């Protein structure tokens, strides 16, 4: 029976893949990979020889109809990204939506994602939170910050190392220099690090120590005192 599987892959430590994920990747007819070179290393490590096809943000729109046709013809297909869960700031959403519209069964396996470990590591309230992913680079960036300035729930952002300091400066502008945040980088990897403090303190830390690795920034929501 045809089915689309969304399969999370480790964000760093290969031990974080599940036994079920390995089995599914071995059993499906095809694996759609964000980067076949990156996924190829993972598949080789776990002795998975399933055929792969490139599926990323630059060809996702063009690929959807072809993938849906394969599924309608009875194939089982898995989607993986370079790291984490497909569809979370990565390709996967558009294909999932197309499958639902075509009455094709989809299943997302539980597994690795960066936002939950960073949230729990922060020590901030985790009963209610908002995930913002990557902020707009230019258009809509100020509007987004103005909307979030009054947010009382814990906020989670993804950021690249070369844009970290700019984002921290924007945090100071819109959230206040004394807002408490937590910055986690290289989660599950050898150089994993979490820096906690005010926006000013975290900014000063990474001005002295060049940012490296992918970051998850967790920001405490606005309190009544602010």
N, C-alpha and C. Protein backbone atom coordinates (compact mmCIF):
# COMPACT_ATOMS: atom_id res chain seq x y z
N UNK A 1 0.84 -1.19 0.00
CA UNK A 1 0.00 0.00 0.00
C UNK A 1 0.88 1.25 0.00
N UNK A 2 0.53 2.21 -0.83
CA UNK A 2 1.33 3.43 -0.92
C UNK A 2 1.19 4.26 0.37
N UNK A 3 2.30 4.88 0.73
CA UNK A 3 2.30 5.74 1.92
C UNK A 3 3.52 6.65 1.86
N UNK A 4 3.34 7.87 2.37
CA UNK A 4 4.46 8.80 2.51
C UNK A 4 4.87 8.83 3.97
N UNK A 5 6.14 8.55 4.23
CA UNK A 5 6.68 8.62 5.59
C UNK A 5 7.55 9.87 5.74
N UNK A 6 7.33 10.61 6.79
CA UNK A 6 8.20 11.73 7.15
C UNK A 6 9.10 11.21 8.27
N UNK A 7 10.39 11.08 7.97
CA UNK A 7 11.30 10.39 8.89
C UNK A 7 12.33 11.36 9.47
N UNK A 8 12.27 11.62 10.77
CA UNK A 8 13.28 12.48 11.41
C UNK A 8 14.65 11.81 11.40
N UNK A 9 15.68 12.61 11.21
CA UNK A 9 17.06 12.12 11.27
C UNK A 9 17.83 12.90 12.33
N UNK A 10 18.91 12.36 12.85
CA UNK A 10 19.65 13.01 13.95
C UNK A 10 20.09 14.42 13.60
N UNK A 11 20.06 15.30 14.59
CA UNK A 11 20.54 16.67 14.39
C UNK A 11 22.04 16.77 14.65
N UNK A 12 22.63 15.70 15.06
CA UNK A 12 24.08 15.68 15.30
C UNK A 12 24.56 14.29 15.64
N UNK A 13 24.14 13.81 16.79
CA UNK A 13 24.55 12.49 17.28
C UNK A 13 23.77 11.39 16.57
N UNK A 14 24.48 10.52 15.85
CA UNK A 14 23.82 9.48 15.07
C UNK A 14 23.04 8.49 15.93
N UNK A 15 23.36 8.41 17.21
CA UNK A 15 22.66 7.49 18.10
C UNK A 15 21.20 7.91 18.33
N UNK A 16 20.85 9.12 17.92
CA UNK A 16 19.50 9.62 18.16
C UNK A 16 18.48 9.16 17.13
N UNK A 17 18.90 8.42 16.12
CA UNK A 17 17.92 7.87 15.18
C UNK A 17 17.20 6.70 15.86
N UNK A 18 15.94 6.50 15.52
CA UNK A 18 15.19 5.42 16.15
C UNK A 18 15.32 4.12 15.34
N UNK A 19 15.10 3.01 16.01
CA UNK A 19 15.13 1.72 15.33
C UNK A 19 14.05 1.65 14.26
N UNK A 20 12.93 2.26 14.54
CA UNK A 20 11.82 2.26 13.57
C UNK A 20 12.20 3.07 12.33
N UNK A 21 12.87 4.19 12.54
CA UNK A 21 13.28 5.02 11.40
C UNK A 21 14.22 4.23 10.48
N UNK A 22 15.15 3.51 11.07
CA UNK A 22 16.08 2.69 10.28
C UNK A 22 15.32 1.64 9.48
N UNK A 23 14.35 0.98 10.14
CA UNK A 23 13.57 -0.05 9.45
C UNK A 23 12.79 0.54 8.28
N UNK A 24 12.12 1.66 8.50
CA UNK A 24 11.32 2.28 7.45
C UNK A 24 12.20 2.69 6.27
N UNK A 25 13.36 3.27 6.56
CA UNK A 25 14.26 3.70 5.48
C UNK A 25 14.77 2.51 4.67
N UNK A 26 14.86 1.35 5.29
CA UNK A 26 15.27 0.15 4.56
C UNK A 26 14.13 -0.44 3.73
N UNK A 27 12.90 -0.25 4.20
CA UNK A 27 11.77 -0.92 3.56
C UNK A 27 11.12 -0.13 2.42
N UNK A 28 11.21 1.21 2.45
CA UNK A 28 10.50 2.00 1.44
C UNK A 28 11.13 1.81 0.05
N UNK A 29 10.38 2.17 -0.98
CA UNK A 29 10.86 2.06 -2.35
C UNK A 29 11.82 3.19 -2.72
N UNK A 30 11.66 4.34 -2.07
CA UNK A 30 12.45 5.52 -2.43
C UNK A 30 12.59 6.45 -1.24
N UNK A 31 13.75 7.09 -1.13
CA UNK A 31 13.97 8.11 -0.10
C UNK A 31 14.18 9.45 -0.80
N UNK A 32 13.39 10.44 -0.44
CA UNK A 32 13.57 11.80 -0.92
C UNK A 32 14.44 12.53 0.10
N UNK A 33 15.61 13.00 -0.34
CA UNK A 33 16.58 13.59 0.58
C UNK A 33 16.86 15.04 0.23
N UNK A 34 16.92 15.88 1.27
CA UNK A 34 17.22 17.30 1.06
C UNK A 34 18.59 17.47 0.40
N UNK A 35 19.56 16.71 0.86
CA UNK A 35 20.90 16.69 0.27
C UNK A 35 21.35 15.23 0.23
N UNK A 36 21.44 14.66 -0.94
CA UNK A 36 21.77 13.23 -1.06
C UNK A 36 23.16 12.91 -0.52
N UNK A 37 24.06 13.89 -0.55
CA UNK A 37 25.41 13.65 -0.03
C UNK A 37 25.37 13.51 1.49
N UNK A 38 24.65 14.43 2.14
CA UNK A 38 24.52 14.37 3.60
C UNK A 38 23.77 13.11 4.03
N UNK A 39 22.64 12.85 3.41
CA UNK A 39 21.86 11.66 3.77
C UNK A 39 22.59 10.39 3.40
N UNK A 40 23.40 10.45 2.34
CA UNK A 40 24.16 9.28 1.93
C UNK A 40 25.10 8.78 3.01
N UNK A 41 25.69 9.70 3.74
CA UNK A 41 26.58 9.33 4.85
C UNK A 41 25.80 8.62 5.95
N UNK A 42 24.60 9.13 6.22
CA UNK A 42 23.75 8.51 7.25
C UNK A 42 23.33 7.11 6.82
N UNK A 43 22.89 6.98 5.58
CA UNK A 43 22.44 5.67 5.09
C UNK A 43 23.58 4.67 5.08
N UNK A 44 24.75 5.12 4.68
CA UNK A 44 25.90 4.22 4.65
C UNK A 44 26.24 3.74 6.05
N UNK A 45 26.16 4.63 7.04
CA UNK A 45 26.48 4.28 8.42
C UNK A 45 25.56 3.18 8.93
N UNK A 46 24.29 3.23 8.53
CA UNK A 46 23.32 2.24 9.02
C UNK A 46 23.04 1.14 7.98
N UNK A 47 23.90 1.06 6.98
CA UNK A 47 23.82 0.00 5.96
C UNK A 47 22.45 -0.03 5.29
N UNK A 48 22.00 1.14 4.87
CA UNK A 48 20.73 1.28 4.16
C UNK A 48 21.05 1.55 2.69
N UNK A 49 20.56 0.71 1.80
CA UNK A 49 20.90 0.87 0.39
C UNK A 49 19.70 1.26 -0.48
N UNK A 50 18.67 1.83 0.12
CA UNK A 50 17.49 2.29 -0.62
C UNK A 50 17.86 3.42 -1.57
N UNK A 51 17.25 3.42 -2.74
CA UNK A 51 17.50 4.48 -3.72
C UNK A 51 17.07 5.84 -3.17
N UNK A 52 17.85 6.87 -3.52
CA UNK A 52 17.56 8.23 -3.08
C UNK A 52 17.29 9.13 -4.28
N UNK A 53 16.54 10.20 -4.02
CA UNK A 53 16.29 11.23 -5.02
C UNK A 53 16.35 12.58 -4.32
N UNK A 54 16.91 13.57 -4.96
CA UNK A 54 17.05 14.90 -4.37
C UNK A 54 15.69 15.58 -4.26
N UNK A 55 15.41 16.14 -3.09
CA UNK A 55 14.13 16.82 -2.84
C UNK A 55 14.38 17.94 -1.85
N UNK A 56 14.45 19.18 -2.35
CA UNK A 56 14.82 20.31 -1.50
C UNK A 56 13.99 21.54 -1.85
N UNK A 57 14.25 22.63 -1.17
CA UNK A 57 13.41 23.83 -1.31
C UNK A 57 13.43 24.40 -2.73
N UNK A 58 14.49 24.12 -3.49
CA UNK A 58 14.60 24.70 -4.82
C UNK A 58 13.90 23.87 -5.90
N UNK A 59 13.58 22.60 -5.60
CA UNK A 59 12.88 21.79 -6.60
C UNK A 59 11.58 21.18 -6.07
N UNK A 60 11.23 21.52 -4.84
CA UNK A 60 10.07 20.90 -4.20
C UNK A 60 8.79 21.11 -5.02
N UNK A 61 8.56 22.34 -5.48
CA UNK A 61 7.34 22.61 -6.24
C UNK A 61 7.27 21.78 -7.52
N UNK A 62 8.40 21.65 -8.20
CA UNK A 62 8.43 20.91 -9.45
C UNK A 62 8.31 19.40 -9.24
N UNK A 63 8.71 18.93 -8.08
CA UNK A 63 8.75 17.49 -7.81
C UNK A 63 7.42 16.93 -7.31
N UNK A 64 6.57 17.75 -6.75
CA UNK A 64 5.39 17.26 -6.04
C UNK A 64 4.52 16.37 -6.90
N UNK A 65 4.18 16.83 -8.11
CA UNK A 65 3.28 16.05 -8.95
C UNK A 65 3.88 14.68 -9.29
N UNK A 66 5.18 14.64 -9.55
CA UNK A 66 5.85 13.38 -9.88
C UNK A 66 5.84 12.43 -8.69
N UNK A 67 6.08 12.98 -7.49
CA UNK A 67 6.10 12.14 -6.29
C UNK A 67 4.69 11.60 -6.01
N UNK A 68 3.69 12.46 -6.13
CA UNK A 68 2.31 12.04 -5.91
C UNK A 68 1.94 10.92 -6.88
N UNK A 69 2.39 11.03 -8.13
CA UNK A 69 2.10 10.01 -9.13
C UNK A 69 2.74 8.68 -8.75
N UNK A 70 3.97 8.73 -8.25
CA UNK A 70 4.64 7.50 -7.78
C UNK A 70 3.83 6.85 -6.66
N UNK A 71 3.36 7.68 -5.74
CA UNK A 71 2.59 7.16 -4.61
C UNK A 71 1.26 6.56 -5.08
N UNK A 72 0.63 7.21 -6.04
CA UNK A 72 -0.63 6.68 -6.57
C UNK A 72 -0.42 5.34 -7.26
N UNK A 73 0.79 5.12 -7.75
CA UNK A 73 1.11 3.87 -8.42
C UNK A 73 1.54 2.77 -7.44
N UNK A 74 1.43 3.07 -6.14
CA UNK A 74 1.65 2.04 -5.14
C UNK A 74 2.99 2.05 -4.44
N UNK A 75 3.84 3.05 -4.72
CA UNK A 75 5.13 3.08 -4.07
C UNK A 75 5.02 3.60 -2.64
N UNK A 76 5.99 3.22 -1.81
CA UNK A 76 6.12 3.81 -0.48
C UNK A 76 7.37 4.69 -0.52
N UNK A 77 7.25 5.89 0.01
CA UNK A 77 8.32 6.88 -0.09
C UNK A 77 8.56 7.53 1.28
N UNK A 78 9.84 7.73 1.60
CA UNK A 78 10.22 8.41 2.84
C UNK A 78 10.87 9.74 2.49
N UNK A 79 10.58 10.75 3.29
CA UNK A 79 11.22 12.06 3.15
C UNK A 79 12.15 12.27 4.34
N UNK A 80 13.40 12.64 4.06
CA UNK A 80 14.33 13.01 5.13
C UNK A 80 14.97 14.34 4.77
N UNK A 81 15.38 15.07 5.80
CA UNK A 81 16.12 16.31 5.59
C UNK A 81 17.54 16.12 6.11
N UNK A 82 18.34 17.16 6.01
CA UNK A 82 19.72 17.04 6.47
C UNK A 82 19.78 16.70 7.96
N UNK A 83 18.83 17.21 8.72
CA UNK A 83 18.79 16.95 10.16
C UNK A 83 17.43 17.35 10.70
N UNK A 84 16.91 16.56 11.62
CA UNK A 84 15.65 16.90 12.27
C UNK A 84 14.44 16.34 11.54
N UNK A 85 13.28 16.93 11.84
CA UNK A 85 12.01 16.44 11.34
C UNK A 85 11.58 17.19 10.08
N UNK A 86 11.28 16.49 8.99
CA UNK A 86 10.83 17.16 7.77
C UNK A 86 9.60 18.02 8.03
N UNK A 87 9.57 19.19 7.38
CA UNK A 87 8.44 20.09 7.55
C UNK A 87 8.65 21.15 8.61
N UNK A 88 9.62 20.95 9.50
CA UNK A 88 9.92 21.94 10.54
C UNK A 88 11.11 22.77 10.06
N UNK A 89 10.82 23.91 9.44
CA UNK A 89 11.84 24.77 8.83
C UNK A 89 12.66 24.02 7.78
N UNK A 90 12.05 23.02 7.17
CA UNK A 90 12.69 22.19 6.15
C UNK A 90 11.61 21.71 5.18
N UNK A 91 12.00 21.21 4.00
CA UNK A 91 11.00 20.68 3.05
C UNK A 91 10.17 19.56 3.66
N UNK A 92 8.94 19.45 3.18
CA UNK A 92 8.06 18.39 3.66
C UNK A 92 6.60 18.81 3.73
N UNK A 93 6.37 20.07 4.07
CA UNK A 93 4.99 20.55 4.24
C UNK A 93 4.19 20.48 2.95
N UNK A 94 4.75 21.00 1.87
CA UNK A 94 4.01 21.06 0.60
C UNK A 94 3.64 19.66 0.10
N UNK A 95 4.56 18.73 0.22
CA UNK A 95 4.29 17.36 -0.22
C UNK A 95 3.25 16.70 0.67
N UNK A 96 3.34 16.92 1.97
CA UNK A 96 2.34 16.37 2.89
C UNK A 96 0.95 16.87 2.55
N UNK A 97 0.86 18.17 2.28
CA UNK A 97 -0.44 18.76 1.92
C UNK A 97 -0.98 18.16 0.62
N UNK A 98 -0.09 17.98 -0.36
CA UNK A 98 -0.51 17.41 -1.64
C UNK A 98 -1.01 15.98 -1.47
N UNK A 99 -0.35 15.22 -0.59
CA UNK A 99 -0.78 13.84 -0.34
C UNK A 99 -2.16 13.80 0.31
N UNK A 100 -2.39 14.68 1.25
CA UNK A 100 -3.69 14.74 1.91
C UNK A 100 -4.78 15.09 0.89
N UNK A 101 -4.47 16.04 -0.01
CA UNK A 101 -5.44 16.44 -1.03
C UNK A 101 -5.74 15.30 -2.00
N UNK A 102 -4.79 14.36 -2.14
CA UNK A 102 -4.97 13.24 -3.06
C UNK A 102 -5.32 11.93 -2.34
N UNK A 103 -5.72 12.06 -1.07
CA UNK A 103 -6.13 10.89 -0.28
C UNK A 103 -5.04 9.83 -0.19
N UNK A 104 -3.79 10.28 -0.11
CA UNK A 104 -2.65 9.38 0.07
C UNK A 104 -2.27 9.41 1.54
N UNK A 105 -2.09 8.26 2.12
CA UNK A 105 -1.79 8.16 3.55
C UNK A 105 -0.39 8.71 3.85
N UNK A 106 -0.28 9.50 4.90
CA UNK A 106 1.03 9.99 5.35
C UNK A 106 1.21 9.63 6.82
N UNK A 107 2.45 9.46 7.20
CA UNK A 107 2.77 9.14 8.58
C UNK A 107 4.09 9.81 8.96
N UNK A 108 4.07 10.56 10.04
CA UNK A 108 5.28 11.21 10.54
C UNK A 108 5.79 10.44 11.75
N UNK A 109 7.01 9.95 11.67
CA UNK A 109 7.60 9.23 12.79
C UNK A 109 8.08 10.23 13.84
N UNK A 110 7.99 9.89 15.12
CA UNK A 110 8.57 10.76 16.15
C UNK A 110 10.08 10.65 16.10
N UNK A 111 10.73 11.72 16.49
CA UNK A 111 12.20 11.66 16.47
C UNK A 111 12.85 13.00 16.70
N UNK A 112 14.08 13.11 16.25
CA UNK A 112 14.93 14.26 16.57
C UNK A 112 14.38 15.57 16.03
N UNK A 113 14.49 16.60 16.85
CA UNK A 113 14.22 17.97 16.45
C UNK A 113 14.98 18.86 17.43
N UNK A 114 15.44 20.01 16.98
CA UNK A 114 16.29 20.85 17.82
C UNK A 114 15.50 21.70 18.81
N UNK A 115 14.26 22.05 18.47
CA UNK A 115 13.57 23.04 19.28
C UNK A 115 13.20 22.55 20.68
N UNK A 116 12.82 21.28 20.83
CA UNK A 116 12.39 20.79 22.14
C UNK A 116 13.55 20.68 23.14
N UNK A 117 14.69 20.10 22.77
CA UNK A 117 15.81 20.09 23.72
C UNK A 117 16.24 21.49 24.13
N UNK A 118 16.26 22.43 23.19
CA UNK A 118 16.65 23.80 23.51
C UNK A 118 15.65 24.44 24.46
N UNK A 119 14.37 24.19 24.24
CA UNK A 119 13.33 24.73 25.11
C UNK A 119 13.48 24.21 26.53
N UNK A 120 13.64 22.90 26.66
CA UNK A 120 13.76 22.30 27.99
C UNK A 120 15.05 22.76 28.68
N UNK A 121 16.13 22.86 27.90
CA UNK A 121 17.41 23.32 28.45
C UNK A 121 17.36 24.75 28.97
N UNK A 122 16.47 25.55 28.41
CA UNK A 122 16.43 26.98 28.76
C UNK A 122 16.00 27.23 30.20
N UNK A 123 15.17 26.34 30.73
CA UNK A 123 14.64 26.56 32.07
C UNK A 123 13.45 27.50 32.08
N UNK A 124 12.99 27.93 30.90
CA UNK A 124 11.83 28.82 30.80
C UNK A 124 10.55 27.98 30.78
N UNK A 125 9.40 28.61 31.05
CA UNK A 125 8.14 27.87 31.02
C UNK A 125 7.95 27.17 29.68
N UNK A 126 7.63 25.87 29.73
CA UNK A 126 7.49 25.10 28.50
C UNK A 126 6.08 24.54 28.33
N UNK A 127 5.17 24.93 29.22
CA UNK A 127 3.79 24.45 29.10
C UNK A 127 3.07 25.15 27.94
N UNK A 128 3.50 26.38 27.62
CA UNK A 128 2.95 27.12 26.50
C UNK A 128 4.10 27.86 25.82
N UNK A 129 4.26 27.66 24.52
CA UNK A 129 5.35 28.32 23.81
C UNK A 129 4.98 28.51 22.35
N UNK A 130 5.73 29.39 21.67
CA UNK A 130 5.51 29.60 20.24
C UNK A 130 6.82 29.34 19.50
N UNK A 131 6.72 28.64 18.39
CA UNK A 131 7.89 28.34 17.58
C UNK A 131 7.86 29.24 16.35
N UNK A 132 8.87 30.08 16.19
CA UNK A 132 8.92 31.03 15.07
C UNK A 132 9.88 30.61 13.97
N UNK A 133 10.71 29.62 14.22
CA UNK A 133 11.66 29.20 13.19
C UNK A 133 12.63 30.32 12.83
N UNK A 134 12.94 30.44 11.54
CA UNK A 134 13.84 31.50 11.08
C UNK A 134 13.05 32.78 10.86
N UNK A 135 13.55 33.88 11.36
CA UNK A 135 12.93 35.18 11.17
C UNK A 135 13.11 35.65 9.72
N UNK A 136 12.19 36.49 9.22
CA UNK A 136 12.39 37.07 7.88
C UNK A 136 13.70 37.86 7.85
N UNK A 137 14.39 37.80 6.73
CA UNK A 137 15.68 38.51 6.64
C UNK A 137 15.49 40.01 6.53
N UNK A 138 14.58 40.44 5.68
CA UNK A 138 14.36 41.87 5.47
C UNK A 138 12.87 42.20 5.51
N UNK A 139 12.18 41.87 4.42
CA UNK A 139 10.76 42.18 4.33
C UNK A 139 9.97 41.44 5.41
N UNK A 140 9.25 42.19 6.20
CA UNK A 140 8.42 41.60 7.24
C UNK A 140 9.12 41.38 8.57
N UNK A 141 10.43 41.62 8.63
CA UNK A 141 11.18 41.38 9.85
C UNK A 141 10.73 42.30 10.98
N UNK A 142 10.65 43.60 10.71
CA UNK A 142 10.23 44.54 11.74
C UNK A 142 8.80 44.27 12.19
N UNK A 143 7.93 43.96 11.22
CA UNK A 143 6.53 43.66 11.55
C UNK A 143 6.44 42.46 12.48
N UNK A 144 7.24 41.42 12.19
CA UNK A 144 7.22 40.22 13.02
C UNK A 144 7.67 40.54 14.44
N UNK A 145 8.73 41.34 14.56
CA UNK A 145 9.23 41.69 15.90
C UNK A 145 8.20 42.52 16.67
N UNK A 146 7.54 43.43 15.99
CA UNK A 146 6.54 44.25 16.66
C UNK A 146 5.38 43.39 17.17
N UNK A 147 5.04 42.36 16.41
CA UNK A 147 3.97 41.45 16.84
C UNK A 147 4.41 40.63 18.06
N UNK A 148 5.68 40.22 18.06
CA UNK A 148 6.18 39.35 19.12
C UNK A 148 6.58 40.11 20.39
N UNK A 149 6.71 41.41 20.29
CA UNK A 149 7.16 42.21 21.44
C UNK A 149 6.23 42.08 22.64
N UNK A 150 4.95 41.80 22.38
CA UNK A 150 3.97 41.67 23.47
C UNK A 150 3.68 40.21 23.83
N UNK A 151 4.39 39.28 23.20
CA UNK A 151 4.14 37.86 23.43
C UNK A 151 4.55 37.46 24.85
N UNK A 152 3.63 36.82 25.57
CA UNK A 152 3.91 36.41 26.95
C UNK A 152 4.38 34.96 27.06
N UNK A 153 4.22 34.20 25.99
CA UNK A 153 4.68 32.81 25.99
C UNK A 153 6.16 32.74 25.62
N UNK A 154 6.81 31.67 26.00
CA UNK A 154 8.20 31.44 25.62
C UNK A 154 8.28 31.35 24.09
N UNK A 155 9.29 32.00 23.51
CA UNK A 155 9.45 32.03 22.05
C UNK A 155 10.72 31.28 21.64
N UNK A 156 10.65 30.57 20.51
CA UNK A 156 11.78 29.79 20.03
C UNK A 156 12.10 30.19 18.59
N UNK A 157 13.38 30.46 18.33
CA UNK A 157 13.84 30.87 17.01
C UNK A 157 15.02 30.00 16.58
N UNK A 158 15.16 29.80 15.27
CA UNK A 158 16.36 29.22 14.70
C UNK A 158 17.20 30.34 14.11
N UNK A 159 18.52 30.21 14.22
CA UNK A 159 19.39 31.23 13.62
C UNK A 159 20.73 30.64 13.21
N UNK A 160 21.28 31.18 12.13
CA UNK A 160 22.60 30.75 11.65
C UNK A 160 23.67 31.55 12.37
N UNK A 161 24.91 31.04 12.43
CA UNK A 161 25.96 31.72 13.19
C UNK A 161 26.30 33.11 12.67
N UNK A 162 26.27 33.31 11.35
CA UNK A 162 26.68 34.61 10.83
C UNK A 162 25.59 35.68 10.96
N UNK A 163 24.39 35.29 11.37
CA UNK A 163 23.33 36.28 11.59
C UNK A 163 22.97 36.43 13.07
N UNK A 164 23.67 35.67 13.92
CA UNK A 164 23.33 35.66 15.34
C UNK A 164 23.41 37.04 15.99
N UNK A 165 24.52 37.73 15.82
CA UNK A 165 24.71 39.02 16.50
C UNK A 165 23.68 40.05 16.04
N UNK A 166 23.33 40.04 14.77
CA UNK A 166 22.29 40.95 14.27
C UNK A 166 20.96 40.66 14.94
N UNK A 167 20.63 39.37 15.07
CA UNK A 167 19.36 39.00 15.70
C UNK A 167 19.35 39.37 17.17
N UNK A 168 20.48 39.17 17.86
CA UNK A 168 20.55 39.56 19.27
C UNK A 168 20.37 41.08 19.44
N UNK A 169 20.90 41.85 18.52
CA UNK A 169 20.71 43.30 18.58
C UNK A 169 19.25 43.66 18.35
N UNK A 170 18.60 42.93 17.46
CA UNK A 170 17.16 43.15 17.25
C UNK A 170 16.37 42.74 18.49
N UNK A 171 16.79 41.68 19.16
CA UNK A 171 16.15 41.30 20.43
C UNK A 171 16.21 42.46 21.42
N UNK A 172 17.37 43.07 21.52
CA UNK A 172 17.54 44.19 22.45
C UNK A 172 16.62 45.35 22.09
N UNK A 173 16.47 45.59 20.81
CA UNK A 173 15.63 46.70 20.34
C UNK A 173 14.16 46.46 20.62
N UNK A 174 13.68 45.27 20.33
CA UNK A 174 12.25 45.00 20.39
C UNK A 174 11.79 44.32 21.68
N UNK A 175 12.66 43.53 22.30
CA UNK A 175 12.30 42.83 23.53
C UNK A 175 12.89 43.50 24.77
N UNK A 176 13.94 44.28 24.56
CA UNK A 176 14.63 44.92 25.68
C UNK A 176 15.93 44.22 25.99
N UNK A 177 16.95 45.02 26.31
CA UNK A 177 18.29 44.48 26.56
C UNK A 177 18.34 43.57 27.78
N UNK A 178 17.37 43.71 28.69
CA UNK A 178 17.37 42.92 29.91
C UNK A 178 16.48 41.68 29.84
N UNK A 179 15.86 41.44 28.67
CA UNK A 179 15.05 40.24 28.52
C UNK A 179 15.97 39.01 28.63
N UNK A 180 15.52 38.02 29.37
CA UNK A 180 16.34 36.82 29.58
C UNK A 180 16.14 35.85 28.42
N UNK A 181 17.26 35.32 27.91
CA UNK A 181 17.21 34.39 26.79
C UNK A 181 18.16 33.21 27.05
N UNK A 182 18.04 32.21 26.19
CA UNK A 182 18.93 31.05 26.23
C UNK A 182 19.34 30.75 24.80
N UNK A 183 20.63 30.63 24.56
CA UNK A 183 21.14 30.34 23.22
C UNK A 183 21.84 28.99 23.21
N UNK A 184 21.28 28.04 22.49
CA UNK A 184 21.87 26.70 22.40
C UNK A 184 22.45 26.50 21.00
N UNK A 185 23.64 25.92 20.95
CA UNK A 185 24.26 25.66 19.65
C UNK A 185 24.82 24.24 19.62
N UNK A 186 24.94 23.69 18.41
CA UNK A 186 25.53 22.37 18.22
C UNK A 186 24.89 21.31 19.11
N UNK A 187 23.58 21.35 19.25
CA UNK A 187 22.88 20.40 20.11
C UNK A 187 23.19 18.96 19.71
N UNK A 188 23.46 18.14 20.69
CA UNK A 188 23.78 16.70 20.61
C UNK A 188 25.18 16.44 20.07
N UNK A 189 25.93 17.47 19.69
CA UNK A 189 27.26 17.28 19.11
C UNK A 189 28.34 17.46 20.19
N UNK A 190 29.58 17.24 19.81
CA UNK A 190 30.70 17.30 20.74
C UNK A 190 30.83 18.66 21.43
N UNK A 191 30.59 19.72 20.67
CA UNK A 191 30.77 21.06 21.22
C UNK A 191 29.45 21.73 21.59
N UNK A 192 28.47 20.93 21.98
CA UNK A 192 27.18 21.47 22.41
C UNK A 192 27.38 22.49 23.53
N UNK A 193 26.64 23.59 23.44
CA UNK A 193 26.79 24.66 24.43
C UNK A 193 25.48 25.42 24.56
N UNK A 194 25.12 25.77 25.77
CA UNK A 194 23.96 26.62 26.03
C UNK A 194 24.41 27.80 26.89
N UNK A 195 24.13 29.00 26.39
CA UNK A 195 24.50 30.23 27.11
C UNK A 195 23.21 30.92 27.53
N UNK A 196 23.08 31.18 28.82
CA UNK A 196 21.87 31.80 29.36
C UNK A 196 22.21 33.15 29.97
N UNK A 197 21.27 34.08 29.91
CA UNK A 197 21.49 35.40 30.50
C UNK A 197 20.59 36.42 29.83
N UNK A 198 20.82 37.68 30.10
CA UNK A 198 20.07 38.73 29.43
C UNK A 198 20.54 38.83 27.98
N UNK A 199 19.78 39.53 27.16
CA UNK A 199 20.18 39.72 25.77
C UNK A 199 21.56 40.36 25.70
N UNK A 200 21.79 41.34 26.56
CA UNK A 200 23.09 42.02 26.60
C UNK A 200 24.21 41.05 26.95
N UNK A 201 24.00 40.23 27.95
CA UNK A 201 25.03 39.29 28.40
C UNK A 201 25.36 38.25 27.32
N UNK A 202 24.33 37.71 26.68
CA UNK A 202 24.56 36.71 25.65
C UNK A 202 25.23 37.35 24.43
N UNK A 203 24.83 38.56 24.11
CA UNK A 203 25.45 39.28 22.99
C UNK A 203 26.94 39.52 23.27
N UNK A 204 27.25 39.96 24.48
CA UNK A 204 28.65 40.20 24.84
C UNK A 204 29.48 38.92 24.78
N UNK A 205 28.88 37.82 25.18
CA UNK A 205 29.58 36.53 25.16
C UNK A 205 29.98 36.17 23.73
N UNK A 206 29.04 36.31 22.80
CA UNK A 206 29.33 35.90 21.42
C UNK A 206 30.04 36.98 20.61
N UNK A 207 30.15 38.18 21.16
CA UNK A 207 31.03 39.17 20.54
C UNK A 207 32.49 38.80 20.82
N UNK A 208 32.73 38.18 21.97
CA UNK A 208 34.08 37.77 22.33
C UNK A 208 34.42 36.39 21.76
N UNK A 209 33.41 35.53 21.66
CA UNK A 209 33.60 34.18 21.14
C UNK A 209 32.81 34.04 19.85
N UNK A 210 33.50 33.93 18.73
CA UNK A 210 32.83 33.90 17.43
C UNK A 210 31.78 32.79 17.37
N UNK A 211 30.54 33.12 16.97
CA UNK A 211 29.48 32.11 16.89
C UNK A 211 29.80 31.03 15.87
N UNK A 212 29.61 29.78 16.26
CA UNK A 212 29.82 28.66 15.35
C UNK A 212 28.69 27.66 15.54
N UNK A 213 28.28 27.02 14.46
CA UNK A 213 27.22 26.03 14.53
C UNK A 213 25.84 26.67 14.43
N UNK A 214 24.83 25.83 14.28
CA UNK A 214 23.46 26.31 14.18
C UNK A 214 22.91 26.59 15.58
N UNK A 215 22.14 27.67 15.70
CA UNK A 215 21.64 28.12 17.00
C UNK A 215 20.12 27.95 17.13
N UNK A 216 19.70 27.63 18.37
CA UNK A 216 18.30 27.72 18.75
C UNK A 216 18.24 28.75 19.87
N UNK A 217 17.49 29.81 19.63
CA UNK A 217 17.37 30.89 20.61
C UNK A 217 16.00 30.80 21.28
N UNK A 218 16.02 30.74 22.60
CA UNK A 218 14.78 30.66 23.38
C UNK A 218 14.66 31.93 24.19
N UNK A 219 13.54 32.62 24.03
CA UNK A 219 13.34 33.92 24.66
C UNK A 219 12.17 33.83 25.65
N UNK A 220 12.42 34.25 26.84
CA UNK A 220 11.34 34.27 27.85
C UNK A 220 10.28 35.28 27.45
N UNK A 221 9.03 34.92 27.62
CA UNK A 221 7.94 35.82 27.24
C UNK A 221 7.91 37.07 28.09
N UNK A 222 7.22 38.08 27.59
CA UNK A 222 7.10 39.35 28.29
C UNK A 222 6.32 39.16 29.59
N UNK A 223 6.82 39.77 30.66
CA UNK A 223 6.13 39.68 31.94
C UNK A 223 5.33 40.97 32.19
N UNK A 224 4.46 40.92 33.21
CA UNK A 224 3.64 42.08 33.53
C UNK A 224 4.49 43.27 33.97
N UNK A 225 5.70 43.00 34.45
CA UNK A 225 6.58 44.07 34.96
C UNK A 225 7.23 44.87 33.84
N UNK A 226 7.25 44.31 32.63
CA UNK A 226 7.92 45.00 31.52
C UNK A 226 7.00 46.01 30.87
